[in-house]
Amino acid sequence: SWDETKLLWVDDPEYIAKGSIEAQREILSGYKGHPKIDPRMYEEALNPKHVAISLTGEPVLYPRLGELIEVYHKMGMTTFLVTRGVRSDVLANLDEEPTQLYISIEAWDKKSYEYFNKPLVPKAWELTLETLQLLPSFSCPTVVRITLVRSFNMHEEALKGFAKLMEIAQPTYIEVKAYMYLGYSRNRLKPSDMPKHEEVLNFAKKLGELIGYKVLSQQIASRVVLLSRLDKPIRVGEGCPGAWKKWSEEWESEEAEYKLAKENQS
């Protein structure tokens, strides 16, 4: 019988990597020749440099994950692994680390975790803690992504709970992001559960003050704030020359526009 926590068979890492590139090109094929598409950027998009091993499901259930990461790296690509963190054993035994590792959370203790997530596996919270304790051992940059839900985890108790977790994990970055009313979550949550960017920024600043992290960047349209103890992000891969300076200038411009809009509303 089908069990969504187990895989009955798995594809080879080479097949998955090759197939992902082919799928990317197939998706983009309809844009070729479109008058509003820059031909240079179209050709660039056909040869992606970054891969997110994430999205639907839990990627660490794939038993050949380390091999897959290695295959992508041999292709000259950077890898960003996003996980819920319930398989610390897999992360601890990866053949090759990803370029950057993300742990995604929204709960701050066992009670809140079990209430909000309704986990399918036993001791899921304890396993998540094991993963957070493991993060300092990674040589690659690490990120803890905190998804904020207005009716659930934006109060003082949650703030202090997250601070304790961050002290354990010591991540390179903390990404504080607003919940978005999308997908199956709409069956459980409401549009009002999406906090505004100002709320996300205020929460992030309070969290940073508790643990010695500062706001490194923000993206107002996405309602996300990046915290770190670094002065600027670690550059991985070839990147985009001058990109951080450009993003910093855009951030300052966005923040100024945001403040002006708020003043005009009041």
C-alpha atoms as a PDB file:
ATOM      1  CA  SER A   1       0.000   0.000   0.000  1.00  0.00           C
ATOM      2  CA  TRP A   2       1.068   3.597  -0.611  1.00  0.00           C
ATOM      3  CA  ASP A   3       2.907   5.391   2.203  1.00  0.00           C
ATOM      4  CA  GLU A   4       3.841   9.002   1.526  1.00  0.00           C
ATOM      5  CA  THR A   5       6.733   8.810   4.017  1.00  0.00           C
ATOM      6  CA  LYS A   6       8.516   6.048   2.059  1.00  0.00           C
ATOM      7  CA  LEU A   7       9.715   5.580  -1.527  1.00  0.00           C
ATOM      8  CA  LEU A   8       9.005   2.256  -3.218  1.00  0.00           C
ATOM      9  CA  TRP A   9      11.622   2.916  -5.908  1.00  0.00           C
ATOM     10  CA  VAL A  10      14.034   5.709  -6.796  1.00  0.00           C
ATOM     11  CA  ASP A  11      15.510   7.131  -9.989  1.00  0.00           C
ATOM     12  CA  ASP A  12      19.252   7.464 -10.566  1.00  0.00           C
ATOM     13  CA  PRO A  13      20.757  10.866  -9.626  1.00  0.00           C
ATOM     14  CA  GLU A  14      22.082  11.343 -13.183  1.00  0.00           C
ATOM     15  CA  TYR A  15      18.592  10.743 -14.601  1.00  0.00           C
ATOM     16  CA  ILE A  16      17.038  13.289 -12.225  1.00  0.00           C
ATOM     17  CA  ALA A  17      19.693  15.941 -12.895  1.00  0.00           C
ATOM     18  CA  LYS A  18      19.509  15.542 -16.665  1.00  0.00           C
ATOM     19  CA  GLY A  19      15.715  15.443 -16.582  1.00  0.00           C
ATOM     20  CA  SER A  20      15.484  18.636 -14.533  1.00  0.00           C
ATOM     21  CA  ILE A  21      17.508  20.549 -17.142  1.00  0.00           C
ATOM     22  CA  GLU A  22      15.436  19.105 -19.973  1.00  0.00           C
ATOM     23  CA  ALA A  23      12.221  20.047 -18.156  1.00  0.00           C
ATOM     24  CA  GLN A  24      13.492  23.603 -17.653  1.00  0.00           C
ATOM     25  CA  ARG A  25      14.194  23.931 -21.365  1.00  0.00           C
ATOM     26  CA  GLU A  26      10.816  22.470 -22.315  1.00  0.00           C
ATOM     27  CA  ILE A  27       9.003  24.938 -20.050  1.00  0.00           C
ATOM     28  CA  LEU A  28      10.883  27.856 -21.626  1.00  0.00           C
ATOM     29  CA  SER A  29      10.576  26.695 -25.237  1.00  0.00           C
ATOM     30  CA  GLY A  30       7.360  28.623 -25.835  1.00  0.00           C
ATOM     31  CA  TYR A  31       9.090  31.930 -25.130  1.00  0.00           C
ATOM     32  CA  LYS A  32      11.619  31.624 -27.935  1.00  0.00           C
ATOM     33  CA  GLY A  33      11.025  34.287 -30.545  1.00  0.00           C
ATOM     34  CA  HIS A  34       8.634  36.293 -28.371  1.00  0.00           C
ATOM     35  CA  PRO A  35       9.177  40.002 -29.180  1.00  0.00           C
ATOM     36  CA  LYS A  36       9.387  40.998 -25.515  1.00  0.00           C
ATOM     37  CA  ILE A  37      11.977  38.370 -24.579  1.00  0.00           C
ATOM     38  CA  ASP A  38      15.681  39.263 -24.503  1.00  0.00           C
ATOM     39  CA  PRO A  39      17.391  36.553 -26.644  1.00  0.00           C
ATOM     40  CA  ARG A  40      20.519  36.670 -24.483  1.00  0.00           C
ATOM     41  CA  MET A  41      18.557  36.087 -21.285  1.00  0.00           C
ATOM     42  CA  TYR A  42      16.530  33.351 -22.947  1.00  0.00           C
ATOM     43  CA  GLU A  43      19.703  31.470 -23.865  1.00  0.00           C
ATOM     44  CA  GLU A  44      21.035  32.019 -20.351  1.00  0.00           C
ATOM     45  CA  ALA A  45      17.863  30.551 -18.839  1.00  0.00           C
ATOM     46  CA  LEU A  46      18.292  27.393 -20.916  1.00  0.00           C
ATOM     47  CA  ASN A  47      21.456  26.649 -18.947  1.00  0.00           C
ATOM     48  CA  PRO A  48      20.600  27.171 -15.260  1.00  0.00           C
ATOM     49  CA  LYS A  49      23.409  27.591 -12.746  1.00  0.00           C
ATOM     50  CA  HIS A  50      21.428  27.011  -9.563  1.00  0.00           C
ATOM     51  CA  VAL A  51      19.096  24.258  -8.398  1.00  0.00           C
ATOM     52  CA  ALA A  52      16.744  24.250  -5.410  1.00  0.00           C
ATOM     53  CA  ILE A  53      16.194  20.734  -4.093  1.00  0.00           C
ATOM     54  CA  SER A  54      12.939  21.644  -2.458  1.00  0.00           C
ATOM     55  CA  LEU A  55       9.319  22.533  -3.257  1.00  0.00           C
ATOM     56  CA  THR A  56       6.779  19.719  -2.789  1.00  0.00           C
ATOM     57  CA  GLY A  57       7.467  16.953  -0.282  1.00  0.00           C
ATOM     58  CA  GLU A  58      10.594  16.225   1.757  1.00  0.00           C
ATOM     59  CA  PRO A  59      13.752  15.925  -0.399  1.00  0.00           C
ATOM     60  CA  VAL A  60      15.828  14.122   2.237  1.00  0.00           C
ATOM     61  CA  LEU A  61      13.586  11.058   1.829  1.00  0.00           C
ATOM     62  CA  TYR A  62      15.454  10.467  -1.439  1.00  0.00           C
ATOM     63  CA  PRO A  63      18.104   7.909  -0.375  1.00  0.00           C
ATOM     64  CA  ARG A  64      20.704   9.038  -2.939  1.00  0.00           C
ATOM     65  CA  LEU A  65      20.535  12.721  -2.077  1.00  0.00           C
ATOM     66  CA  GLY A  66      24.282  13.131  -1.544  1.00  0.00           C
ATOM     67  CA  GLU A  67      24.958  11.611  -4.956  1.00  0.00           C
ATOM     68  CA  LEU A  68      22.410  13.948  -6.562  1.00  0.00           C
ATOM     69  CA  ILE A  69      24.079  16.985  -5.006  1.00  0.00           C
ATOM     70  CA  GLU A  70      27.445  15.742  -6.243  1.00  0.00           C
ATOM     71  CA  VAL A  71      26.105  15.268  -9.787  1.00  0.00           C
ATOM     72  CA  TYR A  72      24.793  18.838  -9.874  1.00  0.00           C
ATOM     73  CA  HIS A  73      28.101  20.173  -8.559  1.00  0.00           C
ATOM     74  CA  LYS A  74      29.990  18.299 -11.286  1.00  0.00           C
ATOM     75  CA  MET A  75      27.679  20.030 -13.777  1.00  0.00           C
ATOM     76  CA  GLY A  76      28.947  23.366 -12.449  1.00  0.00           C
ATOM     77  CA  MET A  77      25.727  24.175 -10.603  1.00  0.00           C
ATOM     78  CA  THR A  78      25.141  25.384  -7.053  1.00  0.00           C
ATOM     79  CA  THR A  79      22.661  23.489  -4.882  1.00  0.00           C
ATOM     80  CA  PHE A  80      20.238  24.822  -2.304  1.00  0.00           C
ATOM     81  CA  LEU A  81      18.728  22.090  -0.149  1.00  0.00           C
ATOM     82  CA  VAL A  82      15.506  22.931   1.723  1.00  0.00           C
ATOM     83  CA  THR A  83      14.238  20.506   4.348  1.00  0.00           C
ATOM     84  CA  ARG A  84      11.846  20.324   7.283  1.00  0.00           C
ATOM     85  CA  GLY A  85      14.674  18.822   9.301  1.00  0.00           C
ATOM     86  CA  VAL A  86      13.100  15.554  10.464  1.00  0.00           C
ATOM     87  CA  ARG A  87      15.932  13.404   9.044  1.00  0.00           C
ATOM     88  CA  SER A  88      19.043  14.567  10.828  1.00  0.00           C
ATOM     89  CA  ASP A  89      20.581  11.153  10.133  1.00  0.00           C
ATOM     90  CA  VAL A  90      20.457  11.804   6.382  1.00  0.00           C
ATOM     91  CA  LEU A  91      21.951  15.283   6.707  1.00  0.00           C
ATOM     92  CA  ALA A  92      24.715  14.014   8.985  1.00  0.00           C
ATOM     93  CA  ASN A  93      25.747  11.366   6.463  1.00  0.00           C
ATOM     94  CA  LEU A  94      25.580  13.265   3.161  1.00  0.00           C
ATOM     95  CA  ASP A  95      28.311  12.242   0.719  1.00  0.00           C
ATOM     96  CA  GLU A  96      28.572  15.894  -0.283  1.00  0.00           C
ATOM     97  CA  GLU A  97      27.208  19.020   1.350  1.00  0.00           C
ATOM     98  CA  PRO A  98      24.909  21.326  -0.617  1.00  0.00           C
ATOM     99  CA  THR A  99      26.078  24.822  -1.501  1.00  0.00           C
ATOM    100  CA  GLN A 100      23.609  26.126   1.062  1.00  0.00           C
ATOM    101  CA  LEU A 101      21.316  24.339   3.515  1.00  0.00           C
ATOM    102  CA  TYR A 102      17.890  25.615   4.571  1.00  0.00           C
ATOM    103  CA  ILE A 103      15.835  24.360   7.518  1.00  0.00           C
ATOM    104  CA  SER A 104      12.233  25.561   7.361  1.00  0.00           C
ATOM    105  CA  ILE A 105      10.275  25.979  10.602  1.00  0.00           C
ATOM    106  CA  GLU A 106       7.243  27.807  11.952  1.00  0.00           C
ATOM    107  CA  ALA A 107       6.922  26.263  15.428  1.00  0.00           C
ATOM    108  CA  TRP A 108       8.987  27.174  18.493  1.00  0.00           C
ATOM    109  CA  ASP A 109       8.410  24.171  20.796  1.00  0.00           C
ATOM    110  CA  LYS A 110       6.973  20.651  20.852  1.00  0.00           C
ATOM    111  CA  LYS A 111       3.412  21.714  21.666  1.00  0.00           C
ATOM    112  CA  SER A 112       3.220  24.335  18.900  1.00  0.00           C
ATOM    113  CA  TYR A 113       4.903  21.963  16.430  1.00  0.00           C
ATOM    114  CA  GLU A 114       2.424  19.134  16.964  1.00  0.00           C
ATOM    115  CA  TYR A 115      -0.566  21.506  16.976  1.00  0.00           C
ATOM    116  CA  PHE A 116       0.360  23.217  13.719  1.00  0.00           C
ATOM    117  CA  ASN A 117       2.006  20.438  11.708  1.00  0.00           C
ATOM    118  CA  LYS A 118       0.129  17.270  12.716  1.00  0.00           C
ATOM    119  CA  PRO A 119       3.300  15.204  12.020  1.00  0.00           C
ATOM    120  CA  LEU A 120       3.023  11.754  10.440  1.00  0.00           C
ATOM    121  CA  VAL A 121       6.200  10.435  12.065  1.00  0.00           C
ATOM    122  CA  PRO A 122       6.813   9.971  15.810  1.00  0.00           C
ATOM    123  CA  LYS A 123       9.152  12.346  17.658  1.00  0.00           C
ATOM    124  CA  ALA A 124       9.208  14.756  14.715  1.00  0.00           C
ATOM    125  CA  TRP A 125       9.940  17.706  16.991  1.00  0.00           C
ATOM    126  CA  GLU A 126      12.832  15.926  18.676  1.00  0.00           C
ATOM    127  CA  LEU A 127      14.224  15.053  15.252  1.00  0.00           C
ATOM    128  CA  THR A 128      13.934  18.690  14.196  1.00  0.00           C
ATOM    129  CA  LEU A 129      15.910  19.717  17.280  1.00  0.00           C
ATOM    130  CA  GLU A 130      18.597  17.188  16.362  1.00  0.00           C
ATOM    131  CA  THR A 131      18.890  18.817  12.943  1.00  0.00           C
ATOM    132  CA  LEU A 132      19.172  22.302  14.451  1.00  0.00           C
ATOM    133  CA  GLN A 133      21.900  21.017  16.778  1.00  0.00           C
ATOM    134  CA  LEU A 134      23.693  19.601  13.737  1.00  0.00           C
ATOM    135  CA  LEU A 135      23.813  22.867  11.764  1.00  0.00           C
ATOM    136  CA  PRO A 136      27.016  24.285  13.322  1.00  0.00           C
ATOM    137  CA  SER A 137      28.921  21.234  12.028  1.00  0.00           C
ATOM    138  CA  PHE A 138      28.268  22.137   8.369  1.00  0.00           C
ATOM    139  CA  SER A 139      30.962  23.971   6.431  1.00  0.00           C
ATOM    140  CA  CYS A 140      28.448  25.374   3.920  1.00  0.00           C
ATOM    141  CA  PRO A 141      26.295  28.424   4.767  1.00  0.00           C
ATOM    142  CA  THR A 142      23.176  27.452   6.715  1.00  0.00           C
ATOM    143  CA  VAL A 143      19.785  29.135   6.877  1.00  0.00           C
ATOM    144  CA  VAL A 144      16.830  28.777   9.212  1.00  0.00           C
ATOM    145  CA  ARG A 145      13.678  30.013   7.526  1.00  0.00           C
ATOM    146  CA  ILE A 146      10.948  31.103   9.938  1.00  0.00           C
ATOM    147  CA  THR A 147       7.521  31.388   8.328  1.00  0.00           C
ATOM    148  CA  LEU A 148       5.349  33.845  10.236  1.00  0.00           C
ATOM    149  CA  VAL A 149       1.605  33.206  10.544  1.00  0.00           C
ATOM    150  CA  ARG A 150      -0.207  36.111  12.180  1.00  0.00           C
ATOM    151  CA  SER A 151      -2.679  34.030  14.214  1.00  0.00           C
ATOM    152  CA  PHE A 152      -0.077  31.478  15.301  1.00  0.00           C
ATOM    153  CA  ASN A 153       3.515  32.491  15.952  1.00  0.00           C
ATOM    154  CA  MET A 154       3.995  36.252  16.168  1.00  0.00           C
ATOM    155  CA  HIS A 155       3.549  36.695  19.927  1.00  0.00           C
ATOM    156  CA  GLU A 156       6.145  37.104  22.683  1.00  0.00           C
ATOM    157  CA  GLU A 157       6.268  33.418  23.652  1.00  0.00           C
ATOM    158  CA  ALA A 158       7.012  32.401  20.057  1.00  0.00           C
ATOM    159  CA  LEU A 159       9.631  35.150  19.707  1.00  0.00           C
ATOM    160  CA  LYS A 160      11.533  33.930  22.767  1.00  0.00           C
ATOM    161  CA  GLY A 161      11.148  30.319  21.631  1.00  0.00           C
ATOM    162  CA  PHE A 162      12.619  31.081  18.211  1.00  0.00           C
ATOM    163  CA  ALA A 163      15.498  32.927  19.880  1.00  0.00           C
ATOM    164  CA  LYS A 164      16.364  29.790  21.884  1.00  0.00           C
ATOM    165  CA  LEU A 165      16.270  27.666  18.723  1.00  0.00           C
ATOM    166  CA  MET A 166      18.546  30.090  16.867  1.00  0.00           C
ATOM    167  CA  GLU A 167      21.035  29.979  19.739  1.00  0.00           C
ATOM    168  CA  ILE A 168      21.143  26.206  19.260  1.00  0.00           C
ATOM    169  CA  ALA A 169      21.405  26.263  15.456  1.00  0.00           C
ATOM    170  CA  GLN A 170      23.755  29.262  15.066  1.00  0.00           C
ATOM    171  CA  PRO A 171      22.783  29.602  11.376  1.00  0.00           C
ATOM    172  CA  THR A 172      24.698  31.780   8.940  1.00  0.00           C
ATOM    173  CA  TYR A 173      21.405  33.451   8.043  1.00  0.00           C
ATOM    174  CA  ILE A 174      17.890  33.638   9.441  1.00  0.00           C
ATOM    175  CA  GLU A 175      15.196  34.245   6.850  1.00  0.00           C
ATOM    176  CA  VAL A 176      12.012  35.632   8.405  1.00  0.00           C
ATOM    177  CA  LYS A 177       9.195  35.363   5.889  1.00  0.00           C
ATOM    178  CA  ALA A 178       5.463  35.999   5.817  1.00  0.00           C
ATOM    179  CA  TYR A 179       3.081  33.109   5.270  1.00  0.00           C
ATOM    180  CA  MET A 180       1.401  33.294   1.858  1.00  0.00           C
ATOM    181  CA  TYR A 181      -2.223  32.213   1.405  1.00  0.00           C
ATOM    182  CA  LEU A 182      -1.550  29.580  -1.270  1.00  0.00           C
ATOM    183  CA  GLY A 183      -2.094  25.895  -1.998  1.00  0.00           C
ATOM    184  CA  TYR A 184      -3.608  23.457   0.480  1.00  0.00           C
ATOM    185  CA  SER A 185      -2.855  25.788   3.378  1.00  0.00           C
ATOM    186  CA  ARG A 186      -5.996  27.691   2.363  1.00  0.00           C
ATOM    187  CA  ASN A 187      -8.029  24.817   3.797  1.00  0.00           C
ATOM    188  CA  ARG A 188      -6.667  25.582   7.276  1.00  0.00           C
ATOM    189  CA  LEU A 189      -5.637  29.228   7.309  1.00  0.00           C
ATOM    190  CA  LYS A 190      -7.114  32.559   6.248  1.00  0.00           C
ATOM    191  CA  PRO A 191      -5.937  35.510   4.140  1.00  0.00           C
ATOM    192  CA  SER A 192      -5.728  37.482   7.390  1.00  0.00           C
ATOM    193  CA  ASP A 193      -2.963  35.101   8.529  1.00  0.00           C
ATOM    194  CA  MET A 194      -0.584  36.795   6.084  1.00  0.00           C
ATOM    195  CA  PRO A 195       1.386  39.420   8.035  1.00  0.00           C
ATOM    196  CA  LYS A 196       2.331  42.679   6.346  1.00  0.00           C
ATOM    197  CA  HIS A 197       5.975  43.383   5.585  1.00  0.00           C
ATOM    198  CA  GLU A 198       6.147  45.939   8.380  1.00  0.00           C
ATOM    199  CA  GLU A 199       5.075  43.251  10.868  1.00  0.00           C
ATOM    200  CA  VAL A 200       7.665  40.812   9.512  1.00  0.00           C
ATOM    201  CA  LEU A 201      10.401  43.451   9.741  1.00  0.00           C
ATOM    202  CA  ASN A 202       9.478  44.385  13.316  1.00  0.00           C
ATOM    203  CA  PHE A 203       9.450  40.726  14.389  1.00  0.00           C
ATOM    204  CA  ALA A 204      12.794  40.102  12.669  1.00  0.00           C
ATOM    205  CA  LYS A 205      14.384  43.113  14.370  1.00  0.00           C
ATOM    206  CA  LYS A 206      13.170  41.961  17.800  1.00  0.00           C
ATOM    207  CA  LEU A 207      14.525  38.474  17.144  1.00  0.00           C
ATOM    208  CA  GLY A 208      17.842  39.888  15.987  1.00  0.00           C
ATOM    209  CA  GLU A 209      18.174  42.013  19.125  1.00  0.00           C
ATOM    210  CA  LEU A 210      17.716  38.933  21.316  1.00  0.00           C
ATOM    211  CA  ILE A 211      20.463  36.893  19.629  1.00  0.00           C
ATOM    212  CA  GLY A 212      22.903  39.411  18.161  1.00  0.00           C
ATOM    213  CA  TYR A 213      21.832  39.237  14.500  1.00  0.00           C
ATOM    214  CA  LYS A 214      21.199  42.304  12.343  1.00  0.00           C
ATOM    215  CA  VAL A 215      19.026  43.000   9.319  1.00  0.00           C
ATOM    216  CA  LEU A 216      21.180  42.298   6.282  1.00  0.00           C
ATOM    217  CA  SER A 217      18.551  42.758   3.587  1.00  0.00           C
ATOM    218  CA  GLN A 218      14.831  42.672   2.923  1.00  0.00           C
ATOM    219  CA  GLN A 219      12.444  42.248   0.015  1.00  0.00           C
ATOM    220  CA  ILE A 220       9.242  44.162   0.601  1.00  0.00           C
ATOM    221  CA  ALA A 221       7.204  42.589  -2.217  1.00  0.00           C
ATOM    222  CA  SER A 222       8.000  39.092  -0.907  1.00  0.00           C
ATOM    223  CA  ARG A 223       7.598  40.153   2.743  1.00  0.00           C
ATOM    224  CA  VAL A 224      10.915  38.638   3.735  1.00  0.00           C
ATOM    225  CA  VAL A 225      13.767  39.877   5.941  1.00  0.00           C
ATOM    226  CA  LEU A 226      17.290  38.434   6.083  1.00  0.00           C
ATOM    227  CA  LEU A 227      19.203  38.416   9.375  1.00  0.00           C
ATOM    228  CA  SER A 228      22.865  37.578   9.876  1.00  0.00           C
ATOM    229  CA  ARG A 229      25.945  38.334  11.942  1.00  0.00           C
ATOM    230  CA  LEU A 230      27.794  38.960   8.667  1.00  0.00           C
ATOM    231  CA  ASP A 231      28.199  42.376   7.068  1.00  0.00           C
ATOM    232  CA  LYS A 232      27.277  40.984   3.654  1.00  0.00           C
ATOM    233  CA  PRO A 233      26.217  37.584   2.262  1.00  0.00           C
ATOM    234  CA  ILE A 234      28.734  34.892   1.387  1.00  0.00           C
ATOM    235  CA  ARG A 235      29.091  34.765  -2.383  1.00  0.00           C
ATOM    236  CA  VAL A 236      28.740  31.279  -3.851  1.00  0.00           C
ATOM    237  CA  GLY A 237      29.413  30.177  -7.420  1.00  0.00           C
ATOM    238  CA  GLU A 238      30.099  32.752 -10.104  1.00  0.00           C
ATOM    239  CA  GLY A 239      27.203  34.876  -8.937  1.00  0.00           C
ATOM    240  CA  CYS A 240      26.430  38.221 -10.529  1.00  0.00           C
ATOM    241  CA  PRO A 241      29.251  40.800 -10.418  1.00  0.00           C
ATOM    242  CA  GLY A 242      28.142  43.852  -8.460  1.00  0.00           C
ATOM    243  CA  ALA A 243      24.855  42.204  -7.518  1.00  0.00           C
ATOM    244  CA  TRP A 244      25.140  42.793  -3.775  1.00  0.00           C
ATOM    245  CA  LYS A 245      25.776  46.518  -4.312  1.00  0.00           C
ATOM    246  CA  LYS A 246      22.789  46.637  -6.673  1.00  0.00           C
ATOM    247  CA  TRP A 247      20.553  44.775  -4.199  1.00  0.00           C
ATOM    248  CA  SER A 248      21.679  47.056  -1.365  1.00  0.00           C
ATOM    249  CA  GLU A 249      20.792  50.132  -3.409  1.00  0.00           C
ATOM    250  CA  GLU A 250      17.424  48.622  -4.370  1.00  0.00           C
ATOM    251  CA  TRP A 251      16.760  47.773  -0.731  1.00  0.00           C
ATOM    252  CA  GLU A 252      17.474  51.344   0.391  1.00  0.00           C
ATOM    253  CA  SER A 253      15.262  52.672  -2.411  1.00  0.00           C
ATOM    254  CA  GLU A 254      12.452  50.237  -1.568  1.00  0.00           C
ATOM    255  CA  GLU A 255      12.663  51.078   2.135  1.00  0.00           C
ATOM    256  CA  ALA A 256      12.482  54.810   1.388  1.00  0.00           C
ATOM    257  CA  GLU A 257       9.461  54.307  -0.883  1.00  0.00           C
ATOM    258  CA  TYR A 258       7.802  52.107   1.729  1.00  0.00           C
ATOM    259  CA  LYS A 259       8.276  54.693   4.490  1.00  0.00           C
ATOM    260  CA  LEU A 260       6.979  57.460   2.221  1.00  0.00           C
ATOM    261  CA  ALA A 261       3.874  55.418   1.368  1.00  0.00           C
ATOM    262  CA  LYS A 262       3.240  54.780   5.087  1.00  0.00           C
ATOM    263  CA  GLU A 263       3.587  58.499   5.853  1.00  0.00           C
ATOM    264  CA  ASN A 264       1.129  59.383   3.085  1.00  0.00           C
ATOM    265  CA  GLN A 265      -1.407  56.913   4.484  1.00  0.00           C
ATOM    266  CA  SER A 266      -1.259  58.429   7.971  1.00  0.00           C
END
